[in-house]
Amino acid sequence: MANLIRFDPFAEMRALQKQFFNDDWFTALPNMHMPTTDVYVRDGKEMIVEAHLPRFNEGDVSVDVEGGVLEVQANHREKEEDKAKRYVVRESTNSFYRRIRLPDQADTKNIKASMEDGVLRVVVPLKKQPAPMKITVQPDSKKSKTSKEK
């Protein structure tokens, strides 16, 4: 009698997933920096976007608004030339990109951006929303006429 082996069609996928998403994957890249972005509304008057970009300066960052979306991009290049060493040029590049959907009441004409101590701060003023209106429901005039006629 032959030995039967159970076939698991997902075993290989689980092994790849474990290999790719295992905690050791990120510890293998100790210099990898994942910038954080905080988005919050202050006092209902303005939306604040803070992007923590410690390796970037003002000239590396661009902030654009198009179609109700705030787009933050940053690119930083370092180039080191040292003829005393065996290599002539050593380059490194860092980049950052975020797209943030703006609320309908965002005042896109008055957005301000500043950068201090590696933190980009974008202030989006919010327009005042009109107060909610109460609409009174009236009986249908056509229905009331036909019911009176009967």
C-alpha atoms as a PDB file:
ATOM      1  CA  MET A   1       0.000   0.000   0.000  1.00  0.00           C
ATOM      2  CA  ALA A   2       1.389   3.422  -1.001  1.00  0.00           C
ATOM      3  CA  ASN A   3       1.771   6.258   1.448  1.00  0.00           C
ATOM      4  CA  LEU A   4      -0.563   9.153   0.789  1.00  0.00           C
ATOM      5  CA  ILE A   5       0.729  12.673   1.263  1.00  0.00           C
ATOM      6  CA  ARG A   6      -1.731  15.453   1.896  1.00  0.00           C
ATOM      7  CA  PHE A   7      -1.300  18.278  -0.623  1.00  0.00           C
ATOM      8  CA  ASP A   8      -1.711  21.804   0.697  1.00  0.00           C
ATOM      9  CA  PRO A   9      -2.053  24.227  -2.243  1.00  0.00           C
ATOM     10  CA  PHE A  10      -1.454  27.251   0.006  1.00  0.00           C
ATOM     11  CA  ALA A  11       1.680  26.043   1.802  1.00  0.00           C
ATOM     12  CA  GLU A  12       4.029  27.720  -0.647  1.00  0.00           C
ATOM     13  CA  MET A  13       2.082  31.003  -0.490  1.00  0.00           C
ATOM     14  CA  ARG A  14       2.192  30.979   3.319  1.00  0.00           C
ATOM     15  CA  ALA A  15       5.946  30.362   3.238  1.00  0.00           C
ATOM     16  CA  LEU A  16       6.460  33.304   0.865  1.00  0.00           C
ATOM     17  CA  GLN A  17       4.203  35.514   2.983  1.00  0.00           C
ATOM     18  CA  LYS A  18       6.119  34.605   6.131  1.00  0.00           C
ATOM     19  CA  GLN A  19       9.420  35.252   4.404  1.00  0.00           C
ATOM     20  CA  PHE A  20       8.300  38.611   3.036  1.00  0.00           C
ATOM     21  CA  PHE A  21       6.374  39.989   6.036  1.00  0.00           C
ATOM     22  CA  ASN A  22       8.407  38.472   8.848  1.00  0.00           C
ATOM     23  CA  ASP A  23       9.632  40.960  11.471  1.00  0.00           C
ATOM     24  CA  ASP A  24      13.219  40.192  10.474  1.00  0.00           C
ATOM     25  CA  TRP A  25      12.575  41.765   7.073  1.00  0.00           C
ATOM     26  CA  PHE A  26      12.464  45.288   8.523  1.00  0.00           C
ATOM     27  CA  THR A  27      15.313  44.767  10.976  1.00  0.00           C
ATOM     28  CA  ALA A  28      17.549  43.873   8.041  1.00  0.00           C
ATOM     29  CA  LEU A  29      17.223  47.506   6.934  1.00  0.00           C
ATOM     30  CA  PRO A  30      18.206  49.476  10.064  1.00  0.00           C
ATOM     31  CA  ASN A  31      18.728  52.752   8.189  1.00  0.00           C
ATOM     32  CA  MET A  32      15.337  52.610   6.518  1.00  0.00           C
ATOM     33  CA  HIS A  33      13.237  55.529   7.731  1.00  0.00           C
ATOM     34  CA  MET A  34       9.483  55.586   7.206  1.00  0.00           C
ATOM     35  CA  PRO A  35       8.304  59.210   7.552  1.00  0.00           C
ATOM     36  CA  THR A  36       5.050  59.665   9.404  1.00  0.00           C
ATOM     37  CA  THR A  37       2.206  61.966   8.429  1.00  0.00           C
ATOM     38  CA  ASP A  38      -0.336  63.350  10.886  1.00  0.00           C
ATOM     39  CA  VAL A  39      -3.625  64.818   9.619  1.00  0.00           C
ATOM     40  CA  TYR A  40      -6.055  66.459  12.028  1.00  0.00           C
ATOM     41  CA  VAL A  41      -8.645  69.254  12.250  1.00  0.00           C
ATOM     42  CA  ARG A  42      -8.115  71.977  14.839  1.00  0.00           C
ATOM     43  CA  ASP A  43     -11.136  73.823  16.290  1.00  0.00           C
ATOM     44  CA  GLY A  44     -13.176  73.002  13.174  1.00  0.00           C
ATOM     45  CA  LYS A  45     -11.452  75.948  11.463  1.00  0.00           C
ATOM     46  CA  GLU A  46      -8.408  74.389   9.840  1.00  0.00           C
ATOM     47  CA  MET A  47      -7.022  71.069   8.748  1.00  0.00           C
ATOM     48  CA  ILE A  48      -3.378  70.486   9.674  1.00  0.00           C
ATOM     49  CA  VAL A  49      -1.072  68.112   7.804  1.00  0.00           C
ATOM     50  CA  GLU A  50       2.280  67.427   9.475  1.00  0.00           C
ATOM     51  CA  ALA A  51       4.849  65.338   7.631  1.00  0.00           C
ATOM     52  CA  HIS A  52       7.956  64.393   9.602  1.00  0.00           C
ATOM     53  CA  LEU A  53      10.817  64.696   7.123  1.00  0.00           C
ATOM     54  CA  PRO A  54      14.068  64.854   9.107  1.00  0.00           C
ATOM     55  CA  ARG A  55      16.441  64.433   6.151  1.00  0.00           C
ATOM     56  CA  PHE A  56      14.811  67.037   3.912  1.00  0.00           C
ATOM     57  CA  ASN A  57      15.019  70.826   3.741  1.00  0.00           C
ATOM     58  CA  GLU A  58      12.599  73.391   2.282  1.00  0.00           C
ATOM     59  CA  GLY A  59      14.141  73.214  -1.196  1.00  0.00           C
ATOM     60  CA  ASP A  60      13.554  69.452  -1.393  1.00  0.00           C
ATOM     61  CA  VAL A  61       9.800  69.682  -0.726  1.00  0.00           C
ATOM     62  CA  SER A  62       6.923  70.618  -3.039  1.00  0.00           C
ATOM     63  CA  VAL A  63       3.272  70.997  -2.026  1.00  0.00           C
ATOM     64  CA  ASP A  64       0.563  71.101  -4.710  1.00  0.00           C
ATOM     65  CA  VAL A  65      -3.233  71.153  -4.741  1.00  0.00           C
ATOM     66  CA  GLU A  66      -5.184  69.845  -7.696  1.00  0.00           C
ATOM     67  CA  GLY A  67      -8.712  68.509  -7.955  1.00  0.00           C
ATOM     68  CA  GLY A  68      -9.355  68.615  -4.203  1.00  0.00           C
ATOM     69  CA  VAL A  69      -6.197  66.634  -3.390  1.00  0.00           C
ATOM     70  CA  LEU A  70      -3.170  67.879  -1.462  1.00  0.00           C
ATOM     71  CA  GLU A  71       0.011  66.342  -2.852  1.00  0.00           C
ATOM     72  CA  VAL A  72       3.263  66.447  -0.881  1.00  0.00           C
ATOM     73  CA  GLN A  73       6.489  65.348  -2.556  1.00  0.00           C
ATOM     74  CA  ALA A  74      10.055  65.475  -1.327  1.00  0.00           C
ATOM     75  CA  ASN A  75      13.246  64.373  -3.045  1.00  0.00           C
ATOM     76  CA  HIS A  76      16.687  64.642  -1.496  1.00  0.00           C
ATOM     77  CA  ARG A  77      19.960  63.710  -3.139  1.00  0.00           C
ATOM     78  CA  GLU A  78      23.322  63.576  -1.481  1.00  0.00           C
ATOM     79  CA  LYS A  79      26.478  63.364  -3.506  1.00  0.00           C
ATOM     80  CA  GLU A  80      29.899  62.874  -2.019  1.00  0.00           C
ATOM     81  CA  GLU A  81      33.095  62.932  -4.025  1.00  0.00           C
ATOM     82  CA  ASP A  82      36.301  61.764  -2.427  1.00  0.00           C
ATOM     83  CA  LYS A  83      39.258  61.115  -4.660  1.00  0.00           C
ATOM     84  CA  ALA A  84      41.383  59.807  -1.805  1.00  0.00           C
ATOM     85  CA  LYS A  85      39.131  56.762  -1.500  1.00  0.00           C
ATOM     86  CA  ARG A  86      38.661  54.105  -4.138  1.00  0.00           C
ATOM     87  CA  TYR A  87      35.301  55.413  -5.269  1.00  0.00           C
ATOM     88  CA  VAL A  88      34.900  58.756  -6.946  1.00  0.00           C
ATOM     89  CA  VAL A  89      31.236  59.475  -6.243  1.00  0.00           C
ATOM     90  CA  ARG A  90      28.866  58.175  -3.606  1.00  0.00           C
ATOM     91  CA  GLU A  91      25.218  59.113  -4.028  1.00  0.00           C
ATOM     92  CA  SER A  92      22.103  58.497  -2.010  1.00  0.00           C
ATOM     93  CA  THR A  93      18.520  59.451  -2.742  1.00  0.00           C
ATOM     94  CA  ASN A  94      15.559  59.767  -0.391  1.00  0.00           C
ATOM     95  CA  SER A  95      12.005  60.426  -1.495  1.00  0.00           C
ATOM     96  CA  PHE A  96       8.604  60.955   0.106  1.00  0.00           C
ATOM     97  CA  TYR A  97       5.143  61.120  -1.456  1.00  0.00           C
ATOM     98  CA  ARG A  98       1.666  61.542   0.036  1.00  0.00           C
ATOM     99  CA  ARG A  99      -1.741  62.386  -1.453  1.00  0.00           C
ATOM    100  CA  ILE A 100      -4.404  63.596   0.944  1.00  0.00           C
ATOM    101  CA  ARG A 101      -8.012  64.175  -0.093  1.00  0.00           C
ATOM    102  CA  LEU A 102      -9.185  67.577   1.092  1.00  0.00           C
ATOM    103  CA  PRO A 103     -12.668  68.085   2.547  1.00  0.00           C
ATOM    104  CA  ASP A 104     -15.244  69.958   0.447  1.00  0.00           C
ATOM    105  CA  GLN A 105     -15.061  73.010   2.712  1.00  0.00           C
ATOM    106  CA  ALA A 106     -11.264  73.414   2.248  1.00  0.00           C
ATOM    107  CA  ASP A 107     -10.221  76.943   1.247  1.00  0.00           C
ATOM    108  CA  THR A 108      -7.583  75.919  -1.297  1.00  0.00           C
ATOM    109  CA  LYS A 109      -6.657  79.527  -2.159  1.00  0.00           C
ATOM    110  CA  ASN A 110      -5.328  80.221   1.355  1.00  0.00           C
ATOM    111  CA  ILE A 111      -3.255  77.108   2.116  1.00  0.00           C
ATOM    112  CA  LYS A 112       0.051  77.815   3.863  1.00  0.00           C
ATOM    113  CA  ALA A 113       3.065  75.539   4.265  1.00  0.00           C
ATOM    114  CA  SER A 114       6.130  75.890   6.482  1.00  0.00           C
ATOM    115  CA  MET A 115       8.998  73.695   7.556  1.00  0.00           C
ATOM    116  CA  GLU A 116      10.763  73.738  10.896  1.00  0.00           C
ATOM    117  CA  ASP A 117      13.122  71.177  12.461  1.00  0.00           C
ATOM    118  CA  GLY A 118      12.360  68.586   9.777  1.00  0.00           C
ATOM    119  CA  VAL A 119       8.570  68.842  10.135  1.00  0.00           C
ATOM    120  CA  LEU A 120       6.544  70.088   7.191  1.00  0.00           C
ATOM    121  CA  ARG A 121       3.342  71.758   8.382  1.00  0.00           C
ATOM    122  CA  VAL A 122       0.550  72.493   5.910  1.00  0.00           C
ATOM    123  CA  VAL A 123      -2.408  74.522   7.202  1.00  0.00           C
ATOM    124  CA  VAL A 124      -5.602  74.255   5.165  1.00  0.00           C
ATOM    125  CA  PRO A 125      -8.250  76.781   6.278  1.00  0.00           C
ATOM    126  CA  LEU A 126     -11.807  75.447   6.283  1.00  0.00           C
ATOM    127  CA  LYS A 127     -14.688  77.570   5.024  1.00  0.00           C
ATOM    128  CA  LYS A 128     -17.593  77.986   7.364  1.00  0.00           C
ATOM    129  CA  GLN A 129     -20.342  75.520   6.565  1.00  0.00           C
ATOM    130  CA  PRO A 130     -23.846  76.935   6.260  1.00  0.00           C
ATOM    131  CA  ALA A 131     -26.083  76.100   9.194  1.00  0.00           C
ATOM    132  CA  PRO A 132     -28.388  73.157   8.589  1.00  0.00           C
ATOM    133  CA  MET A 133     -31.872  74.149   7.442  1.00  0.00           C
ATOM    134  CA  LYS A 134     -35.092  72.629   8.684  1.00  0.00           C
ATOM    135  CA  ILE A 135     -37.481  71.917   5.835  1.00  0.00           C
ATOM    136  CA  THR A 136     -41.139  71.590   6.727  1.00  0.00           C
ATOM    137  CA  VAL A 137     -43.002  68.812   4.970  1.00  0.00           C
ATOM    138  CA  GLN A 138     -46.261  70.041   3.476  1.00  0.00           C
ATOM    139  CA  PRO A 139     -49.162  67.863   2.337  1.00  0.00           C
ATOM    140  CA  ASP A 140     -49.272  67.287  -1.401  1.00  0.00           C
ATOM    141  CA  SER A 141     -51.698  69.827  -2.844  1.00  0.00           C
ATOM    142  CA  LYS A 142     -52.699  67.535  -5.742  1.00  0.00           C
ATOM    143  CA  LYS A 143     -53.631  64.688  -3.403  1.00  0.00           C
ATOM    144  CA  SER A 144     -55.623  66.881  -1.070  1.00  0.00           C
ATOM    145  CA  LYS A 145     -57.704  68.308  -3.979  1.00  0.00           C
ATOM    146  CA  THR A 146     -58.551  64.870  -5.338  1.00  0.00           C
ATOM    147  CA  SER A 147     -59.532  63.525  -1.921  1.00  0.00           C
ATOM    148  CA  LYS A 148     -61.863  66.551  -1.338  1.00  0.00           C
ATOM    149  CA  GLU A 149     -63.561  66.029  -4.680  1.00  0.00           C
ATOM    150  CA  LYS A 150     -64.552  62.415  -3.836  1.00  0.00           C
END
